Protein backbone atom coordinates (compact mmCIF):
# COMPACT_ATOMS: atom_id res chain seq x y z
CA MET A 1 15.83 11.98 -12.19
CA PRO A 2 12.30 11.84 -13.59
CA ALA A 3 11.04 8.37 -14.39
CA ALA A 4 11.73 7.06 -17.90
CA PRO A 5 8.69 6.78 -20.19
CA ILE A 6 7.02 3.37 -20.20
CA ALA A 7 5.79 1.61 -23.31
CA GLY A 8 2.79 3.57 -24.54
CA GLY A 9 4.23 6.87 -23.36
CA TRP A 10 3.14 6.71 -19.70
CA VAL A 11 5.45 8.46 -17.21
CA LEU A 12 5.33 8.20 -13.43
CA PRO A 13 4.19 11.65 -12.23
CA TYR A 14 6.53 11.64 -9.22
CA ARG A 15 10.27 11.91 -8.63
CA LEU A 16 10.95 8.99 -6.30
CA ASP A 17 14.48 10.23 -5.57
CA ALA A 18 13.35 13.72 -4.52
CA PRO A 19 10.60 13.86 -1.87
CA ASP A 20 9.30 17.28 -0.87
CA LEU A 21 9.36 16.22 2.77
CA HIS A 22 11.24 13.50 4.65
CA LEU A 23 9.69 13.33 8.12
CA THR A 24 10.49 11.19 11.17
CA LEU A 25 7.50 9.91 13.13
CA GLU A 26 7.29 9.43 16.89
CA PRO A 27 9.01 6.32 18.34
CA ALA A 28 5.68 4.51 18.83
CA LEU A 29 5.39 4.44 15.03
CA SER A 30 8.76 2.82 14.36
CA GLU A 31 6.67 -0.06 12.96
CA VAL A 32 4.17 2.06 11.05
CA SER A 33 2.36 -0.47 8.88
CA GLY A 34 -0.17 1.63 7.00
CA ILE A 35 -1.42 5.14 6.33
CA ALA A 36 -4.61 6.72 4.93
CA TRP A 37 -5.82 10.21 4.07
CA ASP A 38 -8.63 11.47 6.31
CA GLY A 39 -9.73 15.01 5.57
CA ALA A 40 -6.84 17.35 6.45
CA ARG A 41 -4.86 14.69 8.31
CA LEU A 42 -3.26 11.30 7.90
CA LEU A 43 -4.23 8.20 9.82
CA ALA A 44 -1.42 5.81 10.71
CA LEU A 45 -1.45 2.31 12.14
CA GLN A 46 1.17 0.57 14.25
CA ASP A 47 1.98 -3.01 13.28
CA GLU A 48 1.52 -4.76 16.63
CA ALA A 49 -1.30 -2.86 18.32
CA GLY A 50 -4.73 -1.66 17.29
CA ILE A 51 -3.96 2.00 17.95
CA LEU A 52 -4.81 4.62 15.35
CA PHE A 53 -2.71 7.79 15.14
CA ALA A 54 -3.80 11.05 13.49
CA LEU A 55 -0.78 12.80 11.95
CA ASP A 56 -0.13 16.29 10.66
CA PRO A 57 0.84 15.68 7.00
CA ALA A 58 3.13 18.72 6.98
CA THR A 59 5.17 17.76 10.06
CA GLY A 60 4.47 14.11 10.83
CA ASN A 61 3.58 15.10 14.40
CA THR A 62 0.92 13.09 16.21
CA LEU A 63 -2.33 15.02 16.67
CA LYS A 64 -4.43 12.37 18.37
CA LYS A 65 -4.54 8.66 19.25
CA TRP A 66 -7.36 6.13 19.54
CA PRO A 67 -6.95 2.67 21.15
CA ILE A 68 -9.30 0.78 18.82
CA ALA A 69 -8.28 -2.80 19.61
CA GLY A 70 -5.76 -4.81 21.60
CA LEU A 71 -2.59 -6.49 20.41
CA GLY A 72 -2.63 -8.04 16.95
CA ASP A 73 -1.01 -8.02 13.55
CA PHE A 74 -2.50 -4.83 12.09
CA GLU A 75 -1.25 -4.11 8.58
CA ASP A 76 -3.10 -1.22 6.93
CA VAL A 77 -5.82 1.39 7.31
CA GLU A 78 -8.23 3.04 4.86
CA VAL A 79 -11.04 5.59 4.95
CA ALA A 80 -14.11 4.79 2.86
CA GLU A 81 -17.65 6.14 2.83
CA GLY A 82 -17.29 7.94 6.16
CA LYS A 83 -15.84 4.96 8.02
CA VAL A 84 -12.32 3.81 8.91
CA TYR A 85 -11.23 0.26 8.11
CA MET A 86 -8.28 -1.52 9.72
CA LEU A 87 -6.85 -4.69 8.16
CA LYS A 88 -5.27 -7.57 10.06
CA SER A 89 -2.91 -10.01 8.34
CA ASN A 90 -5.41 -12.87 8.81
CA GLY A 91 -8.05 -11.17 6.65
CA ILE A 92 -10.15 -9.69 9.45
CA LEU A 93 -11.33 -6.09 8.96
CA LEU A 94 -12.30 -3.73 11.76
CA GLU A 95 -14.88 -1.15 10.70
CA VAL A 96 -14.77 1.99 12.85
CA SER A 97 -17.74 4.37 12.79
CA GLY A 98 -17.72 7.80 14.44
CA LEU A 99 -13.96 7.87 15.01
CA ASP A 100 -13.99 11.38 16.53
CA THR A 101 -17.21 11.00 18.50
CA PRO A 102 -18.04 9.64 21.97
CA GLY A 103 -20.34 7.14 20.25
CA GLN A 104 -17.52 5.47 18.33
CA THR A 105 -18.31 1.86 17.40
CA VAL A 106 -16.13 -0.96 16.09
CA ARG A 107 -17.44 -3.89 14.05
CA GLU A 108 -15.41 -6.96 13.15
CA ILE A 109 -15.73 -8.27 9.59
CA ARG A 110 -14.42 -11.74 8.77
CA THR A 111 -13.44 -12.48 5.18
CA PRO A 112 -12.62 -15.82 3.51
CA LEU A 113 -8.95 -14.76 3.41
CA SER A 114 -6.57 -16.10 6.04
CA GLU A 115 -3.10 -15.94 7.59
CA ALA A 116 -1.81 -18.08 4.71
CA ASP A 117 -2.51 -15.14 2.36
CA ASP A 118 -0.70 -12.70 4.70
CA LEU A 119 -2.82 -9.64 3.92
CA GLU A 120 -0.92 -6.34 4.13
CA GLY A 121 -2.41 -3.69 1.84
CA LEU A 122 -5.77 -1.94 2.10
CA GLY A 123 -7.08 0.65 -0.38
CA TYR A 124 -10.40 1.91 -1.72
CA LEU A 125 -11.62 1.87 -5.31
CA ALA A 126 -14.41 4.44 -5.08
CA SER A 127 -15.69 3.88 -8.64
CA GLU A 128 -16.66 0.31 -7.72
CA ARG A 129 -17.18 0.80 -3.97
CA LEU A 130 -14.53 -1.85 -3.28
CA LEU A 131 -12.03 -2.11 -0.48
CA LEU A 132 -8.86 -3.42 -2.12
CA ILE A 133 -7.03 -6.05 -0.06
CA ALA A 134 -3.52 -6.95 -1.22
CA ALA A 135 -2.07 -10.36 -0.36
CA LYS A 136 1.63 -10.50 0.41
CA GLU A 137 1.94 -14.19 -0.44
CA PRO A 138 1.40 -15.73 -3.89
CA PRO A 139 -1.92 -17.54 -4.42
CA MET A 140 -2.56 -21.26 -4.09
CA GLU A 141 -3.74 -23.07 -7.22
CA GLY A 142 -4.54 -26.79 -7.15
CA GLY A 143 -2.87 -27.15 -3.78
CA LEU A 144 0.37 -25.59 -5.03
CA VAL A 145 1.81 -22.10 -4.55
CA ASP A 146 1.69 -20.17 -7.82
CA LYS A 147 4.73 -17.89 -7.52
CA ARG A 148 4.01 -16.28 -10.90
CA PHE A 149 1.35 -13.94 -9.50
CA ARG A 150 0.31 -11.68 -6.64
CA ARG A 151 -3.33 -10.80 -6.04
CA VAL A 152 -5.42 -7.87 -4.88
CA TYR A 153 -8.95 -8.80 -3.80
CA GLY A 154 -12.07 -6.64 -3.66
CA TYR A 155 -14.42 -6.44 -0.69
CA ALA A 156 -17.74 -5.01 -1.93
CA LEU A 157 -19.08 -2.57 0.65
CA PRO A 158 -22.72 -2.51 -0.58
CA GLU A 159 -23.03 -6.32 -0.42
CA GLY A 160 -20.69 -6.75 2.54
CA ARG A 161 -18.76 -9.60 0.95
CA LEU A 162 -15.42 -10.47 -0.60
CA ASN A 163 -15.57 -11.10 -4.33
CA PRO A 164 -14.30 -14.66 -4.96
CA GLN A 165 -12.17 -13.62 -7.95
CA PRO A 166 -9.28 -11.18 -7.44
CA ARG A 167 -9.85 -7.65 -8.71
CA TYR A 168 -6.21 -7.44 -9.86
CA GLN A 169 -3.64 -10.13 -10.59
CA ILE A 170 -0.05 -8.99 -11.06
CA GLY A 171 2.31 -11.11 -13.13
CA MET A 172 5.89 -11.34 -11.90
CA ALA A 173 7.13 -11.90 -15.46
CA GLU A 174 5.41 -8.63 -16.42
CA ILE A 175 7.20 -6.78 -13.63
CA LYS A 176 10.55 -8.15 -14.78
CA ALA A 177 9.81 -7.16 -18.39
CA VAL A 178 8.89 -3.61 -17.37
CA LEU A 179 11.93 -3.25 -15.10
CA THR A 180 14.14 -4.43 -17.95
CA ALA A 181 12.55 -2.08 -20.48
CA GLN A 182 12.90 0.88 -18.12
CA ALA A 183 16.53 0.20 -17.14
CA SER A 184 18.65 3.17 -18.20
CA ASP A 185 21.97 2.61 -16.42
CA GLU A 186 24.20 -0.20 -15.22
CA LYS A 187 22.70 -0.33 -11.72
CA SER A 188 19.09 -0.46 -12.89
CA ARG A 189 19.95 -3.09 -15.50
CA ALA A 190 21.62 -5.19 -12.81
CA ARG A 191 18.62 -4.90 -10.50
CA ALA A 192 16.26 -5.83 -13.32
CA ALA A 193 18.40 -8.86 -14.14
CA GLU A 194 18.35 -9.94 -10.47
CA PHE A 195 14.55 -9.84 -10.28
CA ASP A 196 13.41 -13.47 -10.09
CA PRO A 197 9.77 -14.03 -11.18
CA GLU A 198 9.80 -17.45 -9.48
CA SER A 199 10.89 -16.15 -6.07
CA LYS A 200 8.29 -15.52 -3.36
CA LYS A 201 10.49 -12.68 -2.09
CA SER A 202 10.71 -10.81 -5.38
CA PHE A 203 7.56 -8.73 -4.79
CA LYS A 204 5.39 -8.85 -1.68
CA PRO A 205 2.70 -6.14 -1.68
CA ALA A 206 2.62 -4.17 1.55
CA GLY A 207 0.46 -1.13 0.75
CA VAL A 208 -2.10 -0.20 -1.90
CA ALA A 209 -3.76 3.10 -2.83
CA VAL A 210 -5.83 4.45 -5.72
CA HIS A 211 -4.73 7.73 -7.29
CA PRO A 212 -7.53 10.29 -6.77
CA LEU A 213 -7.02 12.02 -10.13
CA HIS A 214 -5.95 9.24 -12.50
CA GLY A 215 -7.56 6.14 -10.99
CA ASP A 216 -4.30 4.20 -11.20
CA VAL A 217 -3.54 1.66 -8.46
CA TYR A 218 -0.20 2.09 -6.67
CA ILE A 219 1.31 -0.83 -4.75
CA VAL A 220 4.44 -0.62 -2.57
CA ALA A 221 6.43 -3.65 -1.51
CA ALA A 222 9.11 -3.72 1.16
CA ALA A 223 10.12 -7.23 0.06
CA GLY A 224 11.45 -6.48 -3.39
CA GLN A 225 11.83 -2.74 -2.65
CA LEU A 226 9.42 -1.83 -5.44
CA LEU A 227 6.56 0.44 -6.44
CA ALA A 228 4.21 -1.02 -9.05
CA VAL A 229 1.49 0.99 -10.81
CA LEU A 230 -1.55 -0.60 -12.43
CA GLY A 231 -4.13 1.01 -14.66
CA ALA A 232 -7.74 0.78 -13.53
CA ASP A 233 -8.11 -2.20 -15.89
CA GLY A 234 -5.22 -4.02 -14.20
CA THR A 235 -2.60 -3.34 -16.89
CA LEU A 236 0.88 -2.95 -15.41
CA LYS A 237 1.85 0.62 -16.32
CA GLY A 238 5.18 0.79 -14.47
CA ALA A 239 7.46 -0.80 -11.89
CA PHE A 240 10.18 1.08 -10.04
CA HIS A 241 12.93 0.05 -7.65
CA LEU A 242 13.04 2.18 -4.50
CA LYS A 243 16.28 3.42 -2.97
CA LYS A 244 16.86 1.79 0.41
CA SER A 245 18.45 5.00 1.72
CA LEU A 246 15.09 6.76 1.27
CA PHE A 247 12.76 3.77 1.61
CA PRO A 248 14.24 1.50 4.32
CA GLN A 249 11.01 -0.53 4.57
CA PRO A 250 8.07 0.87 2.58
CA GLU A 251 4.83 -0.40 4.11
CA GLY A 252 2.16 2.26 3.58
CA ILE A 253 0.96 4.50 0.77
CA CYS A 254 -1.87 7.01 0.26
CA PHE A 255 -2.76 10.20 -1.62
CA ASP A 256 -4.42 13.47 -0.72
CA PRO A 257 -7.12 14.90 -3.02
CA GLU A 258 -4.55 17.04 -4.90
CA GLY A 259 -2.53 13.95 -5.80
CA ARG A 260 0.33 14.35 -3.33
CA MET A 261 1.71 10.91 -2.58
CA TYR A 262 2.64 9.78 0.94
CA ILE A 263 4.76 6.68 1.60
CA SER A 264 5.54 5.46 5.12
CA ASN A 265 8.53 3.34 6.11
CA GLU A 266 9.23 1.24 9.14
CA ALA A 267 12.60 2.06 10.76
CA GLU A 268 14.22 1.09 14.06
CA THR A 269 15.03 4.68 14.94
CA GLY A 270 11.50 5.88 14.10
CA GLY A 271 9.19 5.40 11.17
CA THR A 272 9.49 7.86 8.31
CA LEU A 273 7.00 9.62 6.08
CA LEU A 274 7.94 10.75 2.57
CA VAL A 275 5.79 13.28 0.71
CA PHE A 276 5.91 13.69 -3.10
CA SER A 277 4.19 16.35 -5.20
CA MET A 278 2.93 15.52 -8.67
CA GLN A 279 5.23 16.61 -11.47
CA PRO A 280 3.82 18.74 -14.29
């Protein structure tokens, strides 16, 4: 079913229950933690090792591999301004230049973020030249965990620094309100009612990507089984529960230049890649 209109008339331009392709990735990517569009291919990252995989977006087959780093908690990957960036959960970025060349170089970038934030999502906001870094855990305020919000930070590439204030702050009460407003049947109403804005597990961002045509920011969360969509100004435009049968553990999201949406899932029997075309 197409998504129900949101307040203001906005409609999700994808059918989340009807992917064009449902692909199984090779066993080494059973813990695929992030994906990114890179020219005519996808880049994929495995959760526990710093190995990059190039994938055929039409088949999910591996085209090439690069051992960029050793073992570690690697969570997402993004391509920005001709370079590849890999995010670790402790806030460290690896900047890879010349990925396909013999002169490939890797530079480590340390940010003020840490393991306590549990960073999982990495995107790129081209209009502001910002790498978007999504924190899985709620922020600390005055020494206390503020469960009401989740944050997406901006790392400014020109200045080479993390902006101290988050670029986006997502209210859990807003998500509940949108889920409730969108609910159109008994199951969706029940799931909206079960969403607890005060629970740390209600929504934990795992992947973030900026839509190439609309500029909206899409955030997937395995914990909470949700897709949230923000406008460029940070307004919550929609929130959607994801079917576990299709999205066993959604961890990565990206778009190609035509607006096709790719979502990757971790799975014990092999990671999966779902491909969605934009709806007219």
